[in-house]
Every structure is written in C-alpha cells, then in structure tokens.
Amino acid sequence: MERILNKQRVREKDKYLVCWKGFTAEFNTWKGRENLENAKEVIEKFKKEYQQDMEDVARQEHKEGTFQQGELPERFMARKLYGWSDK
C-alpha cells in the first residue's frame, strides 16, 4: 500500500480508497478497515489529512452549496490524487 486517498461509510462501516504502490490509479480499490489491520500508521496519517480536507470542504459549502456528506468532492479528490487545485 502506498497511501489512502478517500473514505466512505457503507452499511455503517468505514471503507478506504487504497492507492497501491507501483500501480496506476485504475487499480485503486475500496477496502474495509478490517482488511487494513497492518496499515494503522497509514490510516492515522490519512485521518489527519482528511480532517484538514473536510474543514476546507466545510468552508467551501458556505460559498457554493452543499456536498455529499462523508466524501470529498471531486475537485478535492483531484487535488489529493494529482496535486491539482482551482488556482
């Protein structure tokens, strides 16, 4: 595993979008927390980054309307995946 890109809740369980080391984005997969027991450090790092991104989303909601709760909007995902920004 290289890093975690996103998180979503499915049937009351957290799932993480995993970027695999040495593979392109088309091989990214959603994995449940129970399948990531050996990746606790990576999950903690993601949680810190995710919290900051969700705070950015909350600020943007007031300007542009609402986003789907619990997931990063597409343009925030593009920033995480590729380093793109609106600027």
PDB file of N, CA and C in Angstrom:
ATOM      1  N   MET A   1       0.840  -1.174   0.000  1.00  0.00           N
ATOM      2  CA  MET A   1       0.000   0.000   0.000  1.00  0.00           C
ATOM      3  C   MET A   1       0.887   1.239   0.000  1.00  0.00           C
ATOM      4  N   GLU A   2       0.498   2.199  -0.834  1.00  0.00           N
ATOM      5  CA  GLU A   2       1.240   3.457  -0.868  1.00  0.00           C
ATOM      6  C   GLU A   2       0.596   4.486   0.062  1.00  0.00           C
ATOM      7  N   ARG A   3      -0.730   4.693  -0.108  1.00  0.00           N
ATOM      8  CA  ARG A   3      -1.449   5.649   0.738  1.00  0.00           C
ATOM      9  C   ARG A   3      -2.950   5.441   0.597  1.00  0.00           C
ATOM     10  N   ILE A   4      -3.690   6.136   1.453  1.00  0.00           N
ATOM     11  CA  ILE A   4      -5.151   6.117   1.405  1.00  0.00           C
ATOM     12  C   ILE A   4      -5.600   7.446   0.819  1.00  0.00           C
ATOM     13  N   LEU A   5      -6.548   7.384  -0.116  1.00  0.00           N
ATOM     14  CA  LEU A   5      -6.974   8.567  -0.845  1.00  0.00           C
ATOM     15  C   LEU A   5      -8.303   9.142  -0.380  1.00  0.00           C
ATOM     16  N   ASN A   6      -9.211   8.289   0.101  1.00  0.00           N
ATOM     17  CA  ASN A   6     -10.542   8.758   0.469  1.00  0.00           C
ATOM     18  C   ASN A   6     -11.176   7.764   1.431  1.00  0.00           C
ATOM     19  N   LYS A   7     -12.296   8.156   1.998  1.00  0.00           N
ATOM     20  CA  LYS A   7     -13.029   7.319   2.955  1.00  0.00           C
ATOM     21  C   LYS A   7     -14.516   7.486   2.685  1.00  0.00           C
ATOM     22  N   GLN A   8     -15.264   6.409   2.870  1.00  0.00           N
ATOM     23  CA  GLN A   8     -16.724   6.477   2.777  1.00  0.00           C
ATOM     24  C   GLN A   8     -17.322   5.494   3.772  1.00  0.00           C
ATOM     25  N   ARG A   9     -18.573   5.740   4.141  1.00  0.00           N
ATOM     26  CA  ARG A   9     -19.281   4.815   5.034  1.00  0.00           C
ATOM     27  C   ARG A   9     -20.268   4.019   4.215  1.00  0.00           C
ATOM     28  N   VAL A  10     -20.166   2.691   4.316  1.00  0.00           N
ATOM     29  CA  VAL A  10     -21.064   1.788   3.615  1.00  0.00           C
ATOM     30  C   VAL A  10     -21.623   0.827   4.646  1.00  0.00           C
ATOM     31  N   ARG A  11     -22.958   0.864   4.804  1.00  0.00           N
ATOM     32  CA  ARG A  11     -23.634  -0.008   5.780  1.00  0.00           C
ATOM     33  C   ARG A  11     -23.000   0.081   7.162  1.00  0.00           C
ATOM     34  N   GLU A  12     -22.805   1.334   7.605  1.00  0.00           N
ATOM     35  CA  GLU A  12     -22.266   1.633   8.937  1.00  0.00           C
ATOM     36  C   GLU A  12     -20.821   1.191   9.143  1.00  0.00           C
ATOM     37  N   LYS A  13     -20.080   0.921   8.059  1.00  0.00           N
ATOM     38  CA  LYS A  13     -18.667   0.545   8.159  1.00  0.00           C
ATOM     39  C   LYS A  13     -17.843   1.483   7.290  1.00  0.00           C
ATOM     40  N   ASP A  14     -16.657   1.836   7.787  1.00  0.00           N
ATOM     41  CA  ASP A  14     -15.756   2.693   7.030  1.00  0.00           C
ATOM     42  C   ASP A  14     -15.021   1.881   5.974  1.00  0.00           C
ATOM     43  N   LYS A  15     -14.950   2.460   4.776  1.00  0.00           N
ATOM     44  CA  LYS A  15     -14.165   1.869   3.687  1.00  0.00           C
ATOM     45  C   LYS A  15     -13.193   2.938   3.218  1.00  0.00           C
ATOM     46  N   TYR A  16     -11.990   2.496   2.864  1.00  0.00           N
ATOM     47  CA  TYR A  16     -10.941   3.411   2.452  1.00  0.00           C
ATOM     48  C   TYR A  16     -10.521   3.108   1.015  1.00  0.00           C
ATOM     49  N   LEU A  17     -10.293   4.175   0.241  1.00  0.00           N
ATOM     50  CA  LEU A  17      -9.801   4.032  -1.122  1.00  0.00           C
ATOM     51  C   LEU A  17      -8.279   3.937  -1.051  1.00  0.00           C
ATOM     52  N   VAL A  18      -7.745   2.775  -1.413  1.00  0.00           N
ATOM     53  CA  VAL A  18      -6.323   2.483  -1.257  1.00  0.00           C
ATOM     54  C   VAL A  18      -5.600   2.638  -2.595  1.00  0.00           C
ATOM     55  N   CYS A  19      -4.496   3.371  -2.561  1.00  0.00           N
ATOM     56  CA  CYS A  19      -3.595   3.502  -3.699  1.00  0.00           C
ATOM     57  C   CYS A  19      -2.460   2.510  -3.474  1.00  0.00           C
ATOM     58  N   TRP A  20      -2.294   1.592  -4.416  1.00  0.00           N
ATOM     59  CA  TRP A  20      -1.294   0.540  -4.273  1.00  0.00           C
ATOM     60  C   TRP A  20       0.034   0.972  -4.875  1.00  0.00           C
ATOM     61  N   LYS A  21       1.094   0.734  -4.154  1.00  0.00           N
ATOM     62  CA  LYS A  21       2.444   1.102  -4.590  1.00  0.00           C
ATOM     63  C   LYS A  21       2.800   0.347  -5.875  1.00  0.00           C
ATOM     64  N   GLY A  22       3.276   1.114  -6.857  1.00  0.00           N
ATOM     65  CA  GLY A  22       3.700   0.519  -8.117  1.00  0.00           C
ATOM     66  C   GLY A  22       2.593   0.316  -9.131  1.00  0.00           C
ATOM     67  N   PHE A  23       1.352   0.719  -8.798  1.00  0.00           N
ATOM     68  CA  PHE A  23       0.221   0.553  -9.711  1.00  0.00           C
ATOM     69  C   PHE A  23      -0.381   1.915 -10.045  1.00  0.00           C
ATOM     70  N   THR A  24      -1.057   1.994 -11.187  1.00  0.00           N
ATOM     71  CA  THR A  24      -1.715   3.230 -11.591  1.00  0.00           C
ATOM     72  C   THR A  24      -3.047   3.379 -10.857  1.00  0.00           C
ATOM     73  N   ALA A  25      -3.673   4.548 -11.035  1.00  0.00           N
ATOM     74  CA  ALA A  25      -4.918   4.860 -10.332  1.00  0.00           C
ATOM     75  C   ALA A  25      -6.057   3.903 -10.676  1.00  0.00           C
ATOM     76  N   GLU A  26      -6.030   3.282 -11.842  1.00  0.00           N
ATOM     77  CA  GLU A  26      -7.117   2.368 -12.209  1.00  0.00           C
ATOM     78  C   GLU A  26      -7.149   1.134 -11.304  1.00  0.00           C
ATOM     79  N   PHE A  27      -6.068   0.867 -10.580  1.00  0.00           N
ATOM     80  CA  PHE A  27      -6.014  -0.282  -9.679  1.00  0.00           C
ATOM     81  C   PHE A  27      -6.343   0.082  -8.233  1.00  0.00           C
ATOM     82  N   ASN A  28      -6.692   1.358  -7.966  1.00  0.00           N
ATOM     83  CA  ASN A  28      -7.107   1.754  -6.620  1.00  0.00           C
ATOM     84  C   ASN A  28      -8.360   0.975  -6.238  1.00  0.00           C
ATOM     85  N   THR A  29      -8.453   0.526  -4.992  1.00  0.00           N
ATOM     86  CA  THR A  29      -9.602  -0.268  -4.559  1.00  0.00           C
ATOM     87  C   THR A  29     -10.117   0.217  -3.220  1.00  0.00           C
ATOM     88  N   TRP A  30     -11.405  -0.012  -2.984  1.00  0.00           N
ATOM     89  CA  TRP A  30     -12.024   0.283  -1.694  1.00  0.00           C
ATOM     90  C   TRP A  30     -11.846  -0.933  -0.792  1.00  0.00           C
ATOM     91  N   LYS A  31     -11.280  -0.720   0.381  1.00  0.00           N
ATOM     92  CA  LYS A  31     -11.064  -1.791   1.350  1.00  0.00           C
ATOM     93  C   LYS A  31     -11.649  -1.397   2.691  1.00  0.00           C
ATOM     94  N   GLY A  32     -12.240  -2.366   3.374  1.00  0.00           N
ATOM     95  CA  GLY A  32     -12.771  -2.141   4.710  1.00  0.00           C
ATOM     96  C   GLY A  32     -11.664  -2.052   5.741  1.00  0.00           C
ATOM     97  N   ARG A  33     -11.971  -1.407   6.846  1.00  0.00           N
ATOM     98  CA  ARG A  33     -10.993  -1.236   7.930  1.00  0.00           C
ATOM     99  C   ARG A  33     -10.435  -2.581   8.388  1.00  0.00           C
ATOM    100  N   GLU A  34     -11.281  -3.605   8.417  1.00  0.00           N
ATOM    101  CA  GLU A  34     -10.848  -4.927   8.872  1.00  0.00           C
ATOM    102  C   GLU A  34      -9.789  -5.532   7.959  1.00  0.00           C
ATOM    103  N   ASN A  35      -9.718  -5.071   6.708  1.00  0.00           N
ATOM    104  CA  ASN A  35      -8.718  -5.576   5.762  1.00  0.00           C
ATOM    105  C   ASN A  35      -7.421  -4.778   5.794  1.00  0.00           C
ATOM    106  N   LEU A  36      -7.375  -3.763   6.653  1.00  0.00           N
ATOM    107  CA  LEU A  36      -6.206  -2.888   6.701  1.00  0.00           C
ATOM    108  C   LEU A  36      -5.551  -2.895   8.081  1.00  0.00           C
ATOM    109  N   GLU A  37      -5.598  -4.007   8.771  1.00  0.00           N
ATOM    110  CA  GLU A  37      -5.051  -4.105  10.124  1.00  0.00           C
ATOM    111  C   GLU A  37      -3.561  -3.782  10.189  1.00  0.00           C
ATOM    112  N   ASN A  38      -2.801  -4.081   9.129  1.00  0.00           N
ATOM    113  CA  ASN A  38      -1.360  -3.839   9.126  1.00  0.00           C
ATOM    114  C   ASN A  38      -0.999  -2.431   8.658  1.00  0.00           C
ATOM    115  N   ALA A  39      -1.986  -1.591   8.439  1.00  0.00           N
ATOM    116  CA  ALA A  39      -1.743  -0.254   7.897  1.00  0.00           C
ATOM    117  C   ALA A  39      -2.198   0.841   8.856  1.00  0.00           C
ATOM    118  N   LYS A  40      -2.075   0.624  10.136  1.00  0.00           N
ATOM    119  CA  LYS A  40      -2.577   1.595  11.118  1.00  0.00           C
ATOM    120  C   LYS A  40      -1.911   2.968  10.979  1.00  0.00           C
ATOM    121  N   GLU A  41      -0.594   2.991  10.714  1.00  0.00           N
ATOM    122  CA  GLU A  41       0.111   4.268  10.562  1.00  0.00           C
ATOM    123  C   GLU A  41      -0.396   5.034   9.349  1.00  0.00           C
ATOM    124  N   VAL A  42      -0.643   4.324   8.263  1.00  0.00           N
ATOM    125  CA  VAL A  42      -1.142   4.957   7.038  1.00  0.00           C
ATOM    126  C   VAL A  42      -2.544   5.514   7.270  1.00  0.00           C
ATOM    127  N   ILE A  43      -3.368   4.783   7.996  1.00  0.00           N
ATOM    128  CA  ILE A  43      -4.725   5.244   8.304  1.00  0.00           C
ATOM    129  C   ILE A  43      -4.677   6.491   9.184  1.00  0.00           C
ATOM    130  N   GLU A  44      -3.815   6.507  10.181  1.00  0.00           N
ATOM    131  CA  GLU A  44      -3.698   7.677  11.061  1.00  0.00           C
ATOM    132  C   GLU A  44      -3.229   8.901  10.277  1.00  0.00           C
ATOM    133  N   LYS A  45      -2.268   8.712   9.374  1.00  0.00           N
ATOM    134  CA  LYS A  45      -1.800   9.813   8.538  1.00  0.00           C
ATOM    135  C   LYS A  45      -2.944  10.334   7.675  1.00  0.00           C
ATOM    136  N   PHE A  46      -3.718   9.414   7.090  1.00  0.00           N
ATOM    137  CA  PHE A  46      -4.858   9.810   6.264  1.00  0.00           C
ATOM    138  C   PHE A  46      -5.874  10.594   7.088  1.00  0.00           C
ATOM    139  N   LYS A  47      -6.169  10.129   8.304  1.00  0.00           N
ATOM    140  CA  LYS A  47      -7.165  10.808   9.143  1.00  0.00           C
ATOM    141  C   LYS A  47      -6.783  12.262   9.388  1.00  0.00           C
ATOM    142  N   LYS A  48      -5.492  12.523   9.609  1.00  0.00           N
ATOM    143  CA  LYS A  48      -5.043  13.905   9.822  1.00  0.00           C
ATOM    144  C   LYS A  48      -5.247  14.737   8.555  1.00  0.00           C
ATOM    145  N   GLU A  49      -4.852  14.181   7.404  1.00  0.00           N
ATOM    146  CA  GLU A  49      -5.030  14.884   6.141  1.00  0.00           C
ATOM    147  C   GLU A  49      -6.513  15.053   5.813  1.00  0.00           C
ATOM    148  N   TYR A  50      -7.294  14.005   6.030  1.00  0.00           N
ATOM    149  CA  TYR A  50      -8.729  14.009   5.735  1.00  0.00           C
ATOM    150  C   TYR A  50      -9.451  15.062   6.570  1.00  0.00           C
ATOM    151  N   GLN A  51      -9.065  15.178   7.837  1.00  0.00           N
ATOM    152  CA  GLN A  51      -9.693  16.173   8.713  1.00  0.00           C
ATOM    153  C   GLN A  51      -9.473  17.573   8.152  1.00  0.00           C
ATOM    154  N   GLN A  52      -8.245  17.853   7.702  1.00  0.00           N
ATOM    155  CA  GLN A  52      -7.965  19.163   7.120  1.00  0.00           C
ATOM    156  C   GLN A  52      -8.782  19.378   5.852  1.00  0.00           C
ATOM    157  N   ASP A  53      -8.872  18.359   4.995  1.00  0.00           N
ATOM    158  CA  ASP A  53      -9.657  18.474   3.766  1.00  0.00           C
ATOM    159  C   ASP A  53     -11.134  18.695   4.078  1.00  0.00           C
ATOM    160  N   MET A  54     -11.666  18.004   5.076  1.00  0.00           N
ATOM    161  CA  MET A  54     -13.077  18.175   5.430  1.00  0.00           C
ATOM    162  C   MET A  54     -13.332  19.580   5.983  1.00  0.00           C
ATOM    163  N   GLU A  55     -12.370  20.153   6.670  1.00  0.00           N
ATOM    164  CA  GLU A  55     -12.507  21.537   7.129  1.00  0.00           C
ATOM    165  C   GLU A  55     -12.530  22.482   5.928  1.00  0.00           C
ATOM    166  N   ASP A  56     -11.689  22.212   4.916  1.00  0.00           N
ATOM    167  CA  ASP A  56     -11.706  23.012   3.690  1.00  0.00           C
ATOM    168  C   ASP A  56     -13.064  22.900   2.995  1.00  0.00           C
ATOM    169  N   VAL A  57     -13.609  21.683   2.940  1.00  0.00           N
ATOM    170  CA  VAL A  57     -14.918  21.457   2.329  1.00  0.00           C
ATOM    171  C   VAL A  57     -15.994  22.241   3.073  1.00  0.00           C
ATOM    172  N   ALA A  58     -15.958  22.222   4.391  1.00  0.00           N
ATOM    173  CA  ALA A  58     -16.955  22.943   5.186  1.00  0.00           C
ATOM    174  C   ALA A  58     -16.914  24.436   4.865  1.00  0.00           C
ATOM    175  N   ARG A  59     -15.722  24.986   4.696  1.00  0.00           N
ATOM    176  CA  ARG A  59     -15.611  26.408   4.336  1.00  0.00           C
ATOM    177  C   ARG A  59     -16.196  26.659   2.950  1.00  0.00           C
ATOM    178  N   GLN A  60     -15.950  25.748   2.004  1.00  0.00           N
ATOM    179  CA  GLN A  60     -16.457  25.907   0.653  1.00  0.00           C
ATOM    180  C   GLN A  60     -17.977  25.735   0.571  1.00  0.00           C
ATOM    181  N   GLU A  61     -18.547  24.914   1.465  1.00  0.00           N
ATOM    182  CA  GLU A  61     -20.002  24.688   1.449  1.00  0.00           C
ATOM    183  C   GLU A  61     -20.762  25.985   1.598  1.00  0.00           C
ATOM    184  N   HIS A  62     -20.254  26.872   2.420  1.00  0.00           N
ATOM    185  CA  HIS A  62     -20.935  28.148   2.645  1.00  0.00           C
ATOM    186  C   HIS A  62     -20.922  29.014   1.395  1.00  0.00           C
ATOM    187  N   LYS A  63     -19.921  28.826   0.550  1.00  0.00           N
ATOM    188  CA  LYS A  63     -19.809  29.631  -0.661  1.00  0.00           C
ATOM    189  C   LYS A  63     -20.567  29.027  -1.838  1.00  0.00           C
ATOM    190  N   GLU A  64     -20.554  27.690  -1.967  1.00  0.00           N
ATOM    191  CA  GLU A  64     -21.027  27.059  -3.197  1.00  0.00           C
ATOM    192  C   GLU A  64     -22.229  26.135  -3.037  1.00  0.00           C
ATOM    193  N   GLY A  65     -22.737  25.935  -1.862  1.00  0.00           N
ATOM    194  CA  GLY A  65     -23.810  24.972  -1.658  1.00  0.00           C
ATOM    195  C   GLY A  65     -23.289  23.785  -0.876  1.00  0.00           C
ATOM    196  N   THR A  66     -23.981  22.671  -0.936  1.00  0.00           N
ATOM    197  CA  THR A  66     -23.593  21.523  -0.118  1.00  0.00           C
ATOM    198  C   THR A  66     -22.976  20.409  -0.953  1.00  0.00           C
ATOM    199  N   PHE A  67     -22.116  19.645  -0.307  1.00  0.00           N
ATOM    200  CA  PHE A  67     -21.508  18.462  -0.890  1.00  0.00           C
ATOM    201  C   PHE A  67     -22.095  17.243  -0.193  1.00  0.00           C
ATOM    202  N   GLN A  68     -21.916  16.085  -0.786  1.00  0.00           N
ATOM    203  CA  GLN A  68     -22.369  14.846  -0.158  1.00  0.00           C
ATOM    204  C   GLN A  68     -21.566  14.614   1.125  1.00  0.00           C
ATOM    205  N   GLN A  69     -22.274  14.377   2.201  1.00  0.00           N
ATOM    206  CA  GLN A  69     -21.632  14.225   3.497  1.00  0.00           C
ATOM    207  C   GLN A  69     -20.752  12.979   3.539  1.00  0.00           C
ATOM    208  N   GLY A  70     -19.554  13.122   4.109  1.00  0.00           N
ATOM    209  CA  GLY A  70     -18.675  11.983   4.320  1.00  0.00           C
ATOM    210  C   GLY A  70     -17.731  11.651   3.182  1.00  0.00           C
ATOM    211  N   GLU A  71     -17.844  12.335   2.055  1.00  0.00           N
ATOM    212  CA  GLU A  71     -16.931  12.096   0.945  1.00  0.00           C
ATOM    213  C   GLU A  71     -16.383  13.424   0.465  1.00  0.00           C
ATOM    214  N   LEU A  72     -15.168  13.403  -0.031  1.00  0.00           N
ATOM    215  CA  LEU A  72     -14.578  14.614  -0.572  1.00  0.00           C
ATOM    216  C   LEU A  72     -15.143  14.872  -1.957  1.00  0.00           C
ATOM    217  N   PRO A  73     -15.506  16.115  -2.262  1.00  0.00           N
ATOM    218  CA  PRO A  73     -15.977  16.439  -3.607  1.00  0.00           C
ATOM    219  C   PRO A  73     -14.901  16.139  -4.638  1.00  0.00           C
ATOM    220  N   GLU A  74     -15.311  16.000  -5.891  1.00  0.00           N
ATOM    221  CA  GLU A  74     -14.393  15.584  -6.948  1.00  0.00           C
ATOM    222  C   GLU A  74     -13.161  16.456  -7.059  1.00  0.00           C
ATOM    223  N   ARG A  75     -13.323  17.755  -6.933  1.00  0.00           N
ATOM    224  CA  ARG A  75     -12.142  18.583  -7.132  1.00  0.00           C
ATOM    225  C   ARG A  75     -11.163  18.458  -5.978  1.00  0.00           C
ATOM    226  N   PHE A  76     -11.643  18.110  -4.778  1.00  0.00           N
ATOM    227  CA  PHE A  76     -10.732  17.857  -3.671  1.00  0.00           C
ATOM    228  C   PHE A  76     -10.025  16.520  -3.879  1.00  0.00           C
ATOM    229  N   MET A  77     -10.734  15.535  -4.449  1.00  0.00           N
ATOM    230  CA  MET A  77     -10.101  14.256  -4.761  1.00  0.00           C
ATOM    231  C   MET A  77      -9.014  14.464  -5.820  1.00  0.00           C
ATOM    232  N   ALA A  78      -9.278  15.297  -6.820  1.00  0.00           N
ATOM    233  CA  ALA A  78      -8.270  15.558  -7.847  1.00  0.00           C
ATOM    234  C   ALA A  78      -7.023  16.164  -7.216  1.00  0.00           C
ATOM    235  N   ARG A  79      -7.218  17.027  -6.240  1.00  0.00           N
ATOM    236  CA  ARG A  79      -6.076  17.622  -5.559  1.00  0.00           C
ATOM    237  C   ARG A  79      -5.281  16.560  -4.821  1.00  0.00           C
ATOM    238  N   LYS A  80      -5.968  15.635  -4.140  1.00  0.00           N
ATOM    239  CA  LYS A  80      -5.279  14.578  -3.410  1.00  0.00           C
ATOM    240  C   LYS A  80      -4.598  13.600  -4.353  1.00  0.00           C
ATOM    241  N   LEU A  81      -5.266  13.244  -5.439  1.00  0.00           N
ATOM    242  CA  LEU A  81      -4.717  12.257  -6.367  1.00  0.00           C
ATOM    243  C   LEU A  81      -3.580  12.817  -7.213  1.00  0.00           C
ATOM    244  N   TYR A  82      -3.770  14.032  -7.721  1.00  0.00           N
ATOM    245  CA  TYR A  82      -2.850  14.547  -8.726  1.00  0.00           C
ATOM    246  C   TYR A  82      -2.174  15.855  -8.355  1.00  0.00           C
ATOM    247  N   GLY A  83      -2.541  16.436  -7.222  1.00  0.00           N
ATOM    248  CA  GLY A  83      -1.944  17.708  -6.836  1.00  0.00           C
ATOM    249  C   GLY A  83      -2.558  18.899  -7.535  1.00  0.00           C
ATOM    250  N   TRP A  84      -3.722  18.721  -8.185  1.00  0.00           N
ATOM    251  CA  TRP A  84      -4.381  19.812  -8.890  1.00  0.00           C
ATOM    252  C   TRP A  84      -5.061  20.735  -7.902  1.00  0.00           C
ATOM    253  N   SER A  85      -5.247  21.979  -8.296  1.00  0.00           N
ATOM    254  CA  SER A  85      -6.012  22.917  -7.473  1.00  0.00           C
ATOM    255  C   SER A  85      -6.844  23.801  -8.392  1.00  0.00           C
ATOM    256  N   ASP A  86      -7.698  24.611  -7.792  1.00  0.00           N
ATOM    257  CA  ASP A  86      -8.541  25.518  -8.569  1.00  0.00           C
ATOM    258  C   ASP A  86      -7.775  26.736  -9.063  1.00  0.00           C
ATOM    259  N   LYS A  87      -6.593  26.955  -8.514  1.00  0.00           N
ATOM    260  CA  LYS A  87      -5.874  28.180  -8.832  1.00  0.00           C
ATOM    261  C   LYS A  87      -5.052  28.073 -10.088  1.00  0.00           C
TER     262      LYS A  87
END
